[in-house]
Amino acid sequence: MATENKKALVFAVLDFLQKSCDDKTISAEDTEGIEVAIQCIGEAFGVDREDAAQQALYSTKPANLLSIFEVYLKTKSKAQVSHLFVIPQTDMMALVLTTAYKTQVSEEEKKQAEEFKAAGNRKVAERNYPEAIKLYTQAIELNGTQAVYFANRAAAYSQQGDHQSAVDDAKQAMVIDPKYTKAYSRMGHALFCQGKFSEAVEAYEKGLELDPENPTLKTSLQTAMAKASSSAVDKPQTRDIPSPAGGMPDLSSMLNNPNLMNMAQQMMQSGALGDMMNNPEIARMAQQMMGGGGAGGGGLAEMMRNPEMMNMARQFMGGMGGNNSNDNGNSDSN
């Protein structure tokens, strides 16, 4: 037995075939055969185009099968901007259906959508991002074919910390208009805030291909490239200190580690090392280590695992790092 979704699809197919007969797409000599096919297919699936209840249940008007398919092909083509920006099939089909239904947007709907967008922009200026998101959503519901509505909502999502939603909306904006520069700016900012610096670089580079002189994209790209390079350099330094058999850290490797030695010098200069040694627990472990009591996981190994020691090390290492900001004017709305 056919499911409701299959019946809806069959209804759309039968509508398409009947319209092709009516508009003479199909020659007069073939029309009779198609009409017989329409009747047979309808009976096989329990679908009747003339039934008012089924019309209300299964009709896709004002869209039709051909318009939905055409939108799908265009969306699929636009979605392949790069491997980074490919939209999942489920999301793409949702966009296809939304776009197909909204192909014929009335002038009144366009006007109302613009009013919602303008109101959303005002809420962004007031830093009322949740309300801005609601207004941009209302604009999209009225007219889902405008890339700027998705890009503006992406900016609002980023401003309240919902970077994944910002990425999703930026993708939608790219599909609607692959040449809309701000979609790539929004995407880059959201990816940067997620710590995906290399992907942010790709987004900014794509935006600059479209607008080579855009100062915001240039600055944002430089920042993202610096963070991507820094992350690539830092990764090997975050691995555990090498240890030989028995679990005791390799002291020579530690002493030859420039970052660790630099941290130790900063601790001594700031007086933090003296404060640390006033901690009786750490002082006990240091004495145990110097007295040869490091066997069985004590001494230096235990000291390196001490939460206070690890927290202090993180504080000093954090103090040596740079600023993670990537202020690219992401709150700017059209």
C-alpha atoms as a PDB file:
ATOM      1  CA  MET A   1       0.000   0.000   0.000  1.00  0.00           C
ATOM      2  CA  ALA A   2       1.344   3.431  -0.993  1.00  0.00           C
ATOM      3  CA  THR A   3       2.340   5.839   1.769  1.00  0.00           C
ATOM      4  CA  GLU A   4       0.925   9.357   1.911  1.00  0.00           C
ATOM      5  CA  ASN A   5       4.238  10.785   0.663  1.00  0.00           C
ATOM      6  CA  LYS A   6       4.201   8.437  -2.340  1.00  0.00           C
ATOM      7  CA  LYS A   7       0.613   9.379  -3.093  1.00  0.00           C
ATOM      8  CA  ALA A   8       1.570  13.049  -3.002  1.00  0.00           C
ATOM      9  CA  LEU A   9       4.412  12.332  -5.442  1.00  0.00           C
ATOM     10  CA  VAL A  10       2.094  10.366  -7.747  1.00  0.00           C
ATOM     11  CA  PHE A  11      -0.430  13.230  -7.588  1.00  0.00           C
ATOM     12  CA  ALA A  12       2.296  15.653  -8.694  1.00  0.00           C
ATOM     13  CA  VAL A  13       3.374  13.301 -11.508  1.00  0.00           C
ATOM     14  CA  LEU A  14      -0.197  12.966 -12.762  1.00  0.00           C
ATOM     15  CA  ASP A  15      -0.604  16.743 -12.631  1.00  0.00           C
ATOM     16  CA  PHE A  16       2.591  17.136 -14.659  1.00  0.00           C
ATOM     17  CA  LEU A  17       1.470  14.609 -17.270  1.00  0.00           C
ATOM     18  CA  GLN A  18      -1.997  16.174 -17.605  1.00  0.00           C
ATOM     19  CA  LYS A  19      -0.507  19.678 -17.939  1.00  0.00           C
ATOM     20  CA  SER A  20       1.871  18.366 -20.623  1.00  0.00           C
ATOM     21  CA  CYS A  21      -1.153  17.122 -22.545  1.00  0.00           C
ATOM     22  CA  ASP A  22      -3.074  20.380 -22.083  1.00  0.00           C
ATOM     23  CA  ASP A  23      -0.215  22.689 -23.156  1.00  0.00           C
ATOM     24  CA  LYS A  24       0.561  20.529 -26.209  1.00  0.00           C
ATOM     25  CA  THR A  25       3.999  19.498 -24.928  1.00  0.00           C
ATOM     26  CA  ILE A  26       2.860  16.014 -25.898  1.00  0.00           C
ATOM     27  CA  SER A  27       1.718  15.564 -29.497  1.00  0.00           C
ATOM     28  CA  ALA A  28      -1.965  14.951 -30.241  1.00  0.00           C
ATOM     29  CA  GLU A  29      -1.341  11.359 -31.335  1.00  0.00           C
ATOM     30  CA  ASP A  30       0.409  10.583 -28.026  1.00  0.00           C
ATOM     31  CA  THR A  31      -2.099  12.347 -25.782  1.00  0.00           C
ATOM     32  CA  GLU A  32      -4.556   9.452 -25.703  1.00  0.00           C
ATOM     33  CA  GLY A  33      -1.860   7.021 -24.537  1.00  0.00           C
ATOM     34  CA  ILE A  34      -0.740   9.431 -21.784  1.00  0.00           C
ATOM     35  CA  GLU A  35      -4.320   9.895 -20.591  1.00  0.00           C
ATOM     36  CA  VAL A  36      -4.716   6.109 -20.347  1.00  0.00           C
ATOM     37  CA  ALA A  37      -1.428   5.986 -18.410  1.00  0.00           C
ATOM     38  CA  ILE A  38      -2.691   8.706 -16.032  1.00  0.00           C
ATOM     39  CA  GLN A  39      -5.790   6.645 -15.312  1.00  0.00           C
ATOM     40  CA  CYS A  40      -3.840   3.401 -14.782  1.00  0.00           C
ATOM     41  CA  ILE A  41      -1.214   5.012 -12.533  1.00  0.00           C
ATOM     42  CA  GLY A  42      -3.909   6.737 -10.473  1.00  0.00           C
ATOM     43  CA  GLU A  43      -5.791   3.482  -9.945  1.00  0.00           C
ATOM     44  CA  ALA A  44      -2.622   1.595  -9.043  1.00  0.00           C
ATOM     45  CA  PHE A  45      -1.748   4.070  -6.288  1.00  0.00           C
ATOM     46  CA  GLY A  46      -5.271   4.999  -5.216  1.00  0.00           C
ATOM     47  CA  VAL A  47      -4.891   8.599  -6.407  1.00  0.00           C
ATOM     48  CA  ASP A  48      -7.655  10.597  -8.077  1.00  0.00           C
ATOM     49  CA  ARG A  49      -6.758  14.066  -9.379  1.00  0.00           C
ATOM     50  CA  GLU A  50     -10.422  15.058  -9.520  1.00  0.00           C
ATOM     51  CA  ASP A  51     -11.097  14.250  -5.861  1.00  0.00           C
ATOM     52  CA  ALA A  52     -11.370  17.500  -3.858  1.00  0.00           C
ATOM     53  CA  ALA A  53     -10.152  15.902  -0.625  1.00  0.00           C
ATOM     54  CA  GLN A  54      -7.059  14.535  -2.350  1.00  0.00           C
ATOM     55  CA  GLN A  55      -6.433  17.874  -4.027  1.00  0.00           C
ATOM     56  CA  ALA A  56      -6.373  19.549  -0.619  1.00  0.00           C
ATOM     57  CA  LEU A  57      -4.153  16.813   0.793  1.00  0.00           C
ATOM     58  CA  TYR A  58      -1.650  16.194  -2.013  1.00  0.00           C
ATOM     59  CA  SER A  59      -1.529  19.283  -4.233  1.00  0.00           C
ATOM     60  CA  THR A  60       1.759  21.238  -4.218  1.00  0.00           C
ATOM     61  CA  LYS A  61       0.274  24.413  -5.754  1.00  0.00           C
ATOM     62  CA  PRO A  62       1.398  27.080  -6.417  1.00  0.00           C
ATOM     63  CA  ALA A  63       4.541  24.999  -7.061  1.00  0.00           C
ATOM     64  CA  ASN A  64       4.461  22.040  -9.398  1.00  0.00           C
ATOM     65  CA  LEU A  65       6.700  19.051 -10.047  1.00  0.00           C
ATOM     66  CA  LEU A  66       8.651  20.781 -12.823  1.00  0.00           C
ATOM     67  CA  SER A  67       9.318  23.968 -10.812  1.00  0.00           C
ATOM     68  CA  ILE A  68      10.426  21.931  -7.785  1.00  0.00           C
ATOM     69  CA  PHE A  69      12.791  19.885  -9.954  1.00  0.00           C
ATOM     70  CA  GLU A  70      14.215  22.999 -11.637  1.00  0.00           C
ATOM     71  CA  VAL A  71      14.897  24.613  -8.262  1.00  0.00           C
ATOM     72  CA  TYR A  72      16.546  21.393  -7.079  1.00  0.00           C
ATOM     73  CA  LEU A  73      18.906  21.349 -10.074  1.00  0.00           C
ATOM     74  CA  LYS A  74      19.841  25.013  -9.588  1.00  0.00           C
ATOM     75  CA  THR A  75      20.319  24.554  -5.853  1.00  0.00           C
ATOM     76  CA  LYS A  76      22.442  21.448  -6.331  1.00  0.00           C
ATOM     77  CA  SER A  77      24.657  23.296  -8.804  1.00  0.00           C
ATOM     78  CA  LYS A  78      25.066  26.342  -6.578  1.00  0.00           C
ATOM     79  CA  ALA A  79      25.682  24.251  -3.475  1.00  0.00           C
ATOM     80  CA  GLN A  80      28.950  22.863  -4.837  1.00  0.00           C
ATOM     81  CA  VAL A  81      30.845  26.062  -4.046  1.00  0.00           C
ATOM     82  CA  SER A  82      33.647  24.017  -2.475  1.00  0.00           C
ATOM     83  CA  HIS A  83      33.969  20.968  -0.257  1.00  0.00           C
ATOM     84  CA  LEU A  84      33.563  23.215   2.780  1.00  0.00           C
ATOM     85  CA  PHE A  85      30.237  24.674   1.729  1.00  0.00           C
ATOM     86  CA  VAL A  86      28.389  21.604   0.409  1.00  0.00           C
ATOM     87  CA  ILE A  87      24.924  21.477   1.963  1.00  0.00           C
ATOM     88  CA  PRO A  88      23.651  18.110   3.219  1.00  0.00           C
ATOM     89  CA  GLN A  89      20.975  16.576   0.982  1.00  0.00           C
ATOM     90  CA  THR A  90      18.283  16.825   3.678  1.00  0.00           C
ATOM     91  CA  ASP A  91      18.971  20.533   4.221  1.00  0.00           C
ATOM     92  CA  MET A  92      19.157  21.186   0.496  1.00  0.00           C
ATOM     93  CA  MET A  93      15.791  19.545  -0.148  1.00  0.00           C
ATOM     94  CA  ALA A  94      14.217  21.648   2.596  1.00  0.00           C
ATOM     95  CA  LEU A  95      15.613  24.759   0.910  1.00  0.00           C
ATOM     96  CA  VAL A  96      14.417  23.530  -2.495  1.00  0.00           C
ATOM     97  CA  LEU A  97      10.857  23.093  -1.258  1.00  0.00           C
ATOM     98  CA  THR A  98      10.894  26.465   0.508  1.00  0.00           C
ATOM     99  CA  THR A  99      12.206  28.190  -2.599  1.00  0.00           C
ATOM    100  CA  ALA A 100       9.792  26.361  -4.900  1.00  0.00           C
ATOM    101  CA  TYR A 101       6.784  27.371  -2.811  1.00  0.00           C
ATOM    102  CA  LYS A 102       8.018  30.957  -2.640  1.00  0.00           C
ATOM    103  CA  THR A 103       8.944  31.359  -6.315  1.00  0.00           C
ATOM    104  CA  GLN A 104       5.999  33.680  -6.761  1.00  0.00           C
ATOM    105  CA  VAL A 105       6.243  36.115  -3.872  1.00  0.00           C
ATOM    106  CA  SER A 106       3.641  38.856  -3.935  1.00  0.00           C
ATOM    107  CA  GLU A 107       4.655  42.494  -3.766  1.00  0.00           C
ATOM    108  CA  GLU A 108       2.916  42.768  -0.409  1.00  0.00           C
ATOM    109  CA  GLU A 109       4.960  39.843   0.963  1.00  0.00           C
ATOM    110  CA  LYS A 110       8.180  41.393  -0.344  1.00  0.00           C
ATOM    111  CA  LYS A 111       7.305  44.683   1.325  1.00  0.00           C
ATOM    112  CA  GLN A 112       6.498  43.021   4.645  1.00  0.00           C
ATOM    113  CA  ALA A 113       9.684  40.947   4.496  1.00  0.00           C
ATOM    114  CA  GLU A 114      11.764  44.097   3.990  1.00  0.00           C
ATOM    115  CA  GLU A 115      10.033  45.705   6.963  1.00  0.00           C
ATOM    116  CA  PHE A 116      10.890  42.697   9.133  1.00  0.00           C
ATOM    117  CA  LYS A 117      14.502  42.843   7.932  1.00  0.00           C
ATOM    118  CA  ALA A 118      14.756  46.567   8.723  1.00  0.00           C
ATOM    119  CA  ALA A 119      13.297  45.955  12.180  1.00  0.00           C
ATOM    120  CA  GLY A 120      15.803  43.140  12.680  1.00  0.00           C
ATOM    121  CA  ASN A 121      18.652  45.470  11.754  1.00  0.00           C
ATOM    122  CA  ARG A 122      17.462  47.943  14.380  1.00  0.00           C
ATOM    123  CA  LYS A 123      17.418  45.198  17.013  1.00  0.00           C
ATOM    124  CA  VAL A 124      20.979  44.240  16.062  1.00  0.00           C
ATOM    125  CA  ALA A 125      22.036  47.861  16.565  1.00  0.00           C
ATOM    126  CA  GLU A 126      20.401  47.685  20.004  1.00  0.00           C
ATOM    127  CA  ARG A 127      22.245  44.385  20.666  1.00  0.00           C
ATOM    128  CA  ASN A 128      18.908  42.612  21.102  1.00  0.00           C
ATOM    129  CA  TYR A 129      19.990  39.574  19.092  1.00  0.00           C
ATOM    130  CA  PRO A 130      17.203  37.120  20.058  1.00  0.00           C
ATOM    131  CA  GLU A 131      14.578  39.583  18.862  1.00  0.00           C
ATOM    132  CA  ALA A 132      16.597  40.300  15.708  1.00  0.00           C
ATOM    133  CA  ILE A 133      16.681  36.577  14.927  1.00  0.00           C
ATOM    134  CA  LYS A 134      12.897  36.364  15.273  1.00  0.00           C
ATOM    135  CA  LEU A 135      12.405  39.276  12.884  1.00  0.00           C
ATOM    136  CA  TYR A 136      14.832  37.910  10.291  1.00  0.00           C
ATOM    137  CA  THR A 137      13.053  34.551  10.530  1.00  0.00           C
ATOM    138  CA  GLN A 138       9.735  36.256   9.800  1.00  0.00           C
ATOM    139  CA  ALA A 139      11.300  37.913   6.760  1.00  0.00           C
ATOM    140  CA  ILE A 140      12.587  34.530   5.542  1.00  0.00           C
ATOM    141  CA  GLU A 141       9.189  32.919   6.012  1.00  0.00           C
ATOM    142  CA  LEU A 142       7.645  35.563   3.782  1.00  0.00           C
ATOM    143  CA  ASN A 143      10.399  35.593   1.175  1.00  0.00           C
ATOM    144  CA  GLY A 144      12.994  32.833   1.468  1.00  0.00           C
ATOM    145  CA  THR A 145      14.803  33.785  -1.738  1.00  0.00           C
ATOM    146  CA  GLN A 146      16.855  36.672  -0.322  1.00  0.00           C
ATOM    147  CA  ALA A 147      20.441  35.833   0.665  1.00  0.00           C
ATOM    148  CA  VAL A 148      20.713  38.965   2.803  1.00  0.00           C
ATOM    149  CA  TYR A 149      18.012  37.724   5.210  1.00  0.00           C
ATOM    150  CA  PHE A 150      19.980  34.540   5.940  1.00  0.00           C
ATOM    151  CA  ALA A 151      23.285  36.422   6.164  1.00  0.00           C
ATOM    152  CA  ASN A 152      21.852  38.961   8.608  1.00  0.00           C
ATOM    153  CA  ARG A 153      20.390  36.196  10.745  1.00  0.00           C
ATOM    154  CA  ALA A 154      23.777  34.449  10.654  1.00  0.00           C
ATOM    155  CA  ALA A 155      25.373  37.606  12.045  1.00  0.00           C
ATOM    156  CA  ALA A 156      22.810  37.758  14.849  1.00  0.00           C
ATOM    157  CA  TYR A 157      23.361  34.090  15.673  1.00  0.00           C
ATOM    158  CA  SER A 158      27.126  34.681  15.908  1.00  0.00           C
ATOM    159  CA  GLN A 159      26.658  37.695  18.142  1.00  0.00           C
ATOM    160  CA  GLN A 160      24.797  35.583  20.692  1.00  0.00           C
ATOM    161  CA  GLY A 161      27.329  32.742  20.419  1.00  0.00           C
ATOM    162  CA  ASP A 162      25.333  30.270  18.304  1.00  0.00           C
ATOM    163  CA  HIS A 163      28.057  29.834  15.686  1.00  0.00           C
ATOM    164  CA  GLN A 164      26.777  26.574  14.195  1.00  0.00           C
ATOM    165  CA  SER A 165      23.444  28.176  13.344  1.00  0.00           C
ATOM    166  CA  ALA A 166      25.417  31.037  11.812  1.00  0.00           C
ATOM    167  CA  VAL A 167      27.327  28.544   9.643  1.00  0.00           C
ATOM    168  CA  ASP A 168      24.051  26.942   8.524  1.00  0.00           C
ATOM    169  CA  ASP A 169      22.508  30.289   7.577  1.00  0.00           C
ATOM    170  CA  ALA A 170      25.664  31.396   5.765  1.00  0.00           C
ATOM    171  CA  LYS A 171      25.465  28.218   3.679  1.00  0.00           C
ATOM    172  CA  GLN A 172      21.846  28.983   2.802  1.00  0.00           C
ATOM    173  CA  ALA A 173      22.831  32.499   1.725  1.00  0.00           C
ATOM    174  CA  MET A 174      25.590  31.080  -0.510  1.00  0.00           C
ATOM    175  CA  VAL A 175      23.157  28.713  -2.209  1.00  0.00           C
ATOM    176  CA  ILE A 176      20.686  31.504  -2.924  1.00  0.00           C
ATOM    177  CA  ASP A 177      23.390  33.862  -4.179  1.00  0.00           C
ATOM    178  CA  PRO A 178      26.908  32.382  -4.570  1.00  0.00           C
ATOM    179  CA  LYS A 179      28.255  35.879  -5.339  1.00  0.00           C
ATOM    180  CA  TYR A 180      27.004  37.485  -2.135  1.00  0.00           C
ATOM    181  CA  THR A 181      30.253  38.427  -0.392  1.00  0.00           C
ATOM    182  CA  LYS A 182      28.826  38.860   3.086  1.00  0.00           C
ATOM    183  CA  ALA A 183      27.766  35.215   3.158  1.00  0.00           C
ATOM    184  CA  TYR A 184      31.459  34.236   3.102  1.00  0.00           C
ATOM    185  CA  SER A 185      32.304  36.866   5.699  1.00  0.00           C
ATOM    186  CA  ARG A 186      29.610  35.486   8.028  1.00  0.00           C
ATOM    187  CA  MET A 187      30.809  31.947   7.375  1.00  0.00           C
ATOM    188  CA  GLY A 188      34.433  32.848   8.069  1.00  0.00           C
ATOM    189  CA  HIS A 189      33.596  34.624  11.316  1.00  0.00           C
ATOM    190  CA  ALA A 190      31.482  31.732  12.616  1.00  0.00           C
ATOM    191  CA  LEU A 191      34.141  29.146  11.719  1.00  0.00           C
ATOM    192  CA  PHE A 192      36.845  31.297  13.330  1.00  0.00           C
ATOM    193  CA  CYS A 193      34.829  31.482  16.546  1.00  0.00           C
ATOM    194  CA  GLN A 194      34.526  27.683  16.484  1.00  0.00           C
ATOM    195  CA  GLY A 195      38.322  27.425  16.330  1.00  0.00           C
ATOM    196  CA  LYS A 196      38.219  26.131  12.735  1.00  0.00           C
ATOM    197  CA  PHE A 197      40.866  28.560  11.537  1.00  0.00           C
ATOM    198  CA  SER A 198      41.867  26.780   8.311  1.00  0.00           C
ATOM    199  CA  GLU A 199      38.231  26.560   7.212  1.00  0.00           C
ATOM    200  CA  ALA A 200      37.743  30.228   8.103  1.00  0.00           C
ATOM    201  CA  VAL A 201      40.715  31.044   5.850  1.00  0.00           C
ATOM    202  CA  GLU A 202      39.009  29.204   2.985  1.00  0.00           C
ATOM    203  CA  ALA A 203      35.779  31.151   3.518  1.00  0.00           C
ATOM    204  CA  TYR A 204      37.544  34.512   3.578  1.00  0.00           C
ATOM    205  CA  GLU A 205      39.609  33.627   0.504  1.00  0.00           C
ATOM    206  CA  LYS A 206      36.450  32.747  -1.403  1.00  0.00           C
ATOM    207  CA  GLY A 207      34.910  36.054  -0.394  1.00  0.00           C
ATOM    208  CA  LEU A 208      37.990  37.933  -1.587  1.00  0.00           C
ATOM    209  CA  GLU A 209      37.785  36.188  -4.958  1.00  0.00           C
ATOM    210  CA  LEU A 210      34.438  37.937  -5.349  1.00  0.00           C
ATOM    211  CA  ASP A 211      35.492  41.260  -3.792  1.00  0.00           C
ATOM    212  CA  PRO A 212      39.326  41.554  -3.878  1.00  0.00           C
ATOM    213  CA  GLU A 213      39.416  45.028  -2.314  1.00  0.00           C
ATOM    214  CA  ASN A 214      37.117  44.334   0.624  1.00  0.00           C
ATOM    215  CA  PRO A 215      39.047  45.650   3.674  1.00  0.00           C
ATOM    216  CA  THR A 216      37.065  43.653   6.230  1.00  0.00           C
ATOM    217  CA  LEU A 217      37.732  40.378   4.436  1.00  0.00           C
ATOM    218  CA  LYS A 218      41.416  41.246   4.028  1.00  0.00           C
ATOM    219  CA  THR A 219      41.860  41.949   7.732  1.00  0.00           C
ATOM    220  CA  SER A 220      39.858  38.892   8.756  1.00  0.00           C
ATOM    221  CA  LEU A 221      41.842  36.664   6.407  1.00  0.00           C
ATOM    222  CA  GLN A 222      45.147  37.853   7.874  1.00  0.00           C
ATOM    223  CA  THR A 223      43.921  37.163  11.402  1.00  0.00           C
ATOM    224  CA  ALA A 224      42.610  33.709  10.485  1.00  0.00           C
ATOM    225  CA  MET A 225      45.823  32.807   8.652  1.00  0.00           C
ATOM    226  CA  ALA A 226      47.889  33.836  11.669  1.00  0.00           C
ATOM    227  CA  LYS A 227      45.767  31.699  13.977  1.00  0.00           C
ATOM    228  CA  ALA A 228      45.847  28.757  11.567  1.00  0.00           C
ATOM    229  CA  SER A 229      49.657  28.951  11.376  1.00  0.00           C
ATOM    230  CA  SER A 230      49.968  29.356  15.144  1.00  0.00           C
ATOM    231  CA  SER A 231      47.727  26.352  15.745  1.00  0.00           C
ATOM    232  CA  ALA A 232      49.762  24.216  13.354  1.00  0.00           C
ATOM    233  CA  VAL A 233      52.998  25.170  15.153  1.00  0.00           C
ATOM    234  CA  ASP A 234      51.558  24.713  18.628  1.00  0.00           C
ATOM    235  CA  LYS A 235      50.083  21.262  18.101  1.00  0.00           C
ATOM    236  CA  PRO A 236      53.353  19.271  18.434  1.00  0.00           C
ATOM    237  CA  GLN A 237      54.200  21.235  21.599  1.00  0.00           C
ATOM    238  CA  THR A 238      51.023  20.139  23.377  1.00  0.00           C
ATOM    239  CA  ARG A 239      51.916  16.454  23.403  1.00  0.00           C
ATOM    240  CA  ASP A 240      52.849  14.748  26.642  1.00  0.00           C
ATOM    241  CA  ILE A 241      56.437  14.980  27.897  1.00  0.00           C
ATOM    242  CA  PRO A 242      58.237  11.831  26.720  1.00  0.00           C
ATOM    243  CA  SER A 243      58.607   9.184  29.412  1.00  0.00           C
ATOM    244  CA  PRO A 244      60.814   6.125  29.457  1.00  0.00           C
ATOM    245  CA  ALA A 245      59.653   2.832  30.922  1.00  0.00           C
ATOM    246  CA  GLY A 246      58.389   3.086  34.485  1.00  0.00           C
ATOM    247  CA  GLY A 247      56.438   6.335  33.964  1.00  0.00           C
ATOM    248  CA  MET A 248      59.207   8.749  35.063  1.00  0.00           C
ATOM    249  CA  PRO A 249      59.447  11.862  32.838  1.00  0.00           C
ATOM    250  CA  ASP A 250      62.623  12.275  30.763  1.00  0.00           C
ATOM    251  CA  LEU A 251      64.383  15.114  32.608  1.00  0.00           C
ATOM    252  CA  SER A 252      66.802  15.858  29.759  1.00  0.00           C
ATOM    253  CA  SER A 253      63.892  16.311  27.339  1.00  0.00           C
ATOM    254  CA  MET A 254      62.218  18.670  29.783  1.00  0.00           C
ATOM    255  CA  LEU A 255      65.349  20.775  30.218  1.00  0.00           C
ATOM    256  CA  ASN A 256      65.801  20.967  26.447  1.00  0.00           C
ATOM    257  CA  ASN A 257      62.214  22.110  25.919  1.00  0.00           C
ATOM    258  CA  PRO A 258      62.484  25.894  25.219  1.00  0.00           C
ATOM    259  CA  ASN A 259      58.839  26.596  26.093  1.00  0.00           C
ATOM    260  CA  LEU A 260      59.128  24.839  29.439  1.00  0.00           C
ATOM    261  CA  MET A 261      62.394  26.611  30.272  1.00  0.00           C
ATOM    262  CA  ASN A 262      60.910  29.980  29.265  1.00  0.00           C
ATOM    263  CA  MET A 263      57.935  29.317  31.524  1.00  0.00           C
ATOM    264  CA  ALA A 264      60.266  28.425  34.417  1.00  0.00           C
ATOM    265  CA  GLN A 265      62.224  31.662  33.944  1.00  0.00           C
ATOM    266  CA  GLN A 266      59.017  33.704  34.003  1.00  0.00           C
ATOM    267  CA  MET A 267      57.928  31.929  37.176  1.00  0.00           C
ATOM    268  CA  MET A 268      61.225  32.712  38.901  1.00  0.00           C
ATOM    269  CA  GLN A 269      61.208  36.359  37.785  1.00  0.00           C
ATOM    270  CA  SER A 270      57.631  36.903  38.965  1.00  0.00           C
ATOM    271  CA  GLY A 271      58.185  35.214  42.330  1.00  0.00           C
ATOM    272  CA  ALA A 272      55.575  32.580  41.529  1.00  0.00           C
ATOM    273  CA  LEU A 273      58.119  29.800  42.000  1.00  0.00           C
ATOM    274  CA  GLY A 274      58.714  30.883  45.599  1.00  0.00           C
ATOM    275  CA  ASP A 275      54.970  31.006  46.220  1.00  0.00           C
ATOM    276  CA  MET A 276      54.627  27.542  44.762  1.00  0.00           C
ATOM    277  CA  MET A 277      57.366  26.123  47.002  1.00  0.00           C
ATOM    278  CA  ASN A 278      55.577  27.552  50.039  1.00  0.00           C
ATOM    279  CA  ASN A 279      52.814  25.075  49.240  1.00  0.00           C
ATOM    280  CA  PRO A 280      53.567  22.219  51.696  1.00  0.00           C
ATOM    281  CA  GLU A 281      52.296  19.519  49.311  1.00  0.00           C
ATOM    282  CA  ILE A 282      54.527  20.641  46.450  1.00  0.00           C
ATOM    283  CA  ALA A 283      57.484  21.180  48.803  1.00  0.00           C
ATOM    284  CA  ARG A 284      57.035  17.613  50.080  1.00  0.00           C
ATOM    285  CA  MET A 285      57.078  16.216  46.545  1.00  0.00           C
ATOM    286  CA  ALA A 286      60.170  18.263  45.662  1.00  0.00           C
ATOM    287  CA  GLN A 287      62.029  16.936  48.725  1.00  0.00           C
ATOM    288  CA  GLN A 288      60.932  13.401  47.901  1.00  0.00           C
ATOM    289  CA  MET A 289      62.191  13.787  44.340  1.00  0.00           C
ATOM    290  CA  MET A 290      65.613  15.169  45.435  1.00  0.00           C
ATOM    291  CA  GLY A 291      65.896  12.412  48.043  1.00  0.00           C
ATOM    292  CA  GLY A 292      65.475   9.723  45.419  1.00  0.00           C
ATOM    293  CA  GLY A 293      61.899   8.969  46.351  1.00  0.00           C
ATOM    294  CA  GLY A 294      60.688   9.122  42.741  1.00  0.00           C
ATOM    295  CA  ALA A 295      60.166   5.410  42.352  1.00  0.00           C
ATOM    296  CA  GLY A 296      56.683   4.037  41.849  1.00  0.00           C
ATOM    297  CA  GLY A 297      55.293   7.183  40.236  1.00  0.00           C
ATOM    298  CA  GLY A 298      56.244   9.699  43.010  1.00  0.00           C
ATOM    299  CA  GLY A 299      58.683  12.618  42.958  1.00  0.00           C
ATOM    300  CA  LEU A 300      58.821  14.574  39.728  1.00  0.00           C
ATOM    301  CA  ALA A 301      56.152  12.454  38.042  1.00  0.00           C
ATOM    302  CA  GLU A 302      53.740  13.120  40.904  1.00  0.00           C
ATOM    303  CA  MET A 303      54.636  16.814  40.919  1.00  0.00           C
ATOM    304  CA  MET A 304      53.887  17.124  37.209  1.00  0.00           C
ATOM    305  CA  ARG A 305      50.468  15.570  37.807  1.00  0.00           C
ATOM    306  CA  ASN A 306      49.611  17.821  40.744  1.00  0.00           C
ATOM    307  CA  PRO A 307      46.462  19.869  39.915  1.00  0.00           C
ATOM    308  CA  GLU A 308      47.905  23.094  41.386  1.00  0.00           C
ATOM    309  CA  MET A 309      51.110  22.657  39.422  1.00  0.00           C
ATOM    310  CA  MET A 310      49.170  21.969  36.209  1.00  0.00           C
ATOM    311  CA  ASN A 311      46.856  24.946  36.798  1.00  0.00           C
ATOM    312  CA  MET A 312      49.809  27.266  37.400  1.00  0.00           C
ATOM    313  CA  ALA A 313      51.497  26.012  34.252  1.00  0.00           C
ATOM    314  CA  ARG A 314      48.333  26.625  32.237  1.00  0.00           C
ATOM    315  CA  GLN A 315      48.067  30.160  33.597  1.00  0.00           C
ATOM    316  CA  PHE A 316      51.627  30.985  32.583  1.00  0.00           C
ATOM    317  CA  MET A 317      51.267  29.352  29.195  1.00  0.00           C
ATOM    318  CA  GLY A 318      47.974  31.194  28.666  1.00  0.00           C
ATOM    319  CA  GLY A 319      49.658  34.463  29.529  1.00  0.00           C
ATOM    320  CA  MET A 320      52.181  33.844  26.766  1.00  0.00           C
ATOM    321  CA  GLY A 321      49.420  33.422  24.122  1.00  0.00           C
ATOM    322  CA  GLY A 322      47.858  35.988  21.818  1.00  0.00           C
ATOM    323  CA  ASN A 323      44.417  37.410  21.414  1.00  0.00           C
ATOM    324  CA  ASN A 324      41.850  35.102  19.815  1.00  0.00           C
ATOM    325  CA  SER A 325      39.603  37.874  18.602  1.00  0.00           C
ATOM    326  CA  ASN A 326      38.512  38.104  15.014  1.00  0.00           C
ATOM    327  CA  ASP A 327      36.441  41.247  14.967  1.00  0.00           C
ATOM    328  CA  ASN A 328      35.452  41.485  11.329  1.00  0.00           C
ATOM    329  CA  GLY A 329      32.454  43.716  11.803  1.00  0.00           C
ATOM    330  CA  ASN A 330      30.212  40.668  11.865  1.00  0.00           C
ATOM    331  CA  SER A 331      27.370  42.532  13.521  1.00  0.00           C
ATOM    332  CA  ASP A 332      27.014  44.802  10.508  1.00  0.00           C
ATOM    333  CA  SER A 333      23.674  44.234   8.759  1.00  0.00           C
ATOM    334  CA  ASN A 334      22.320  45.216   5.373  1.00  0.00           C
END
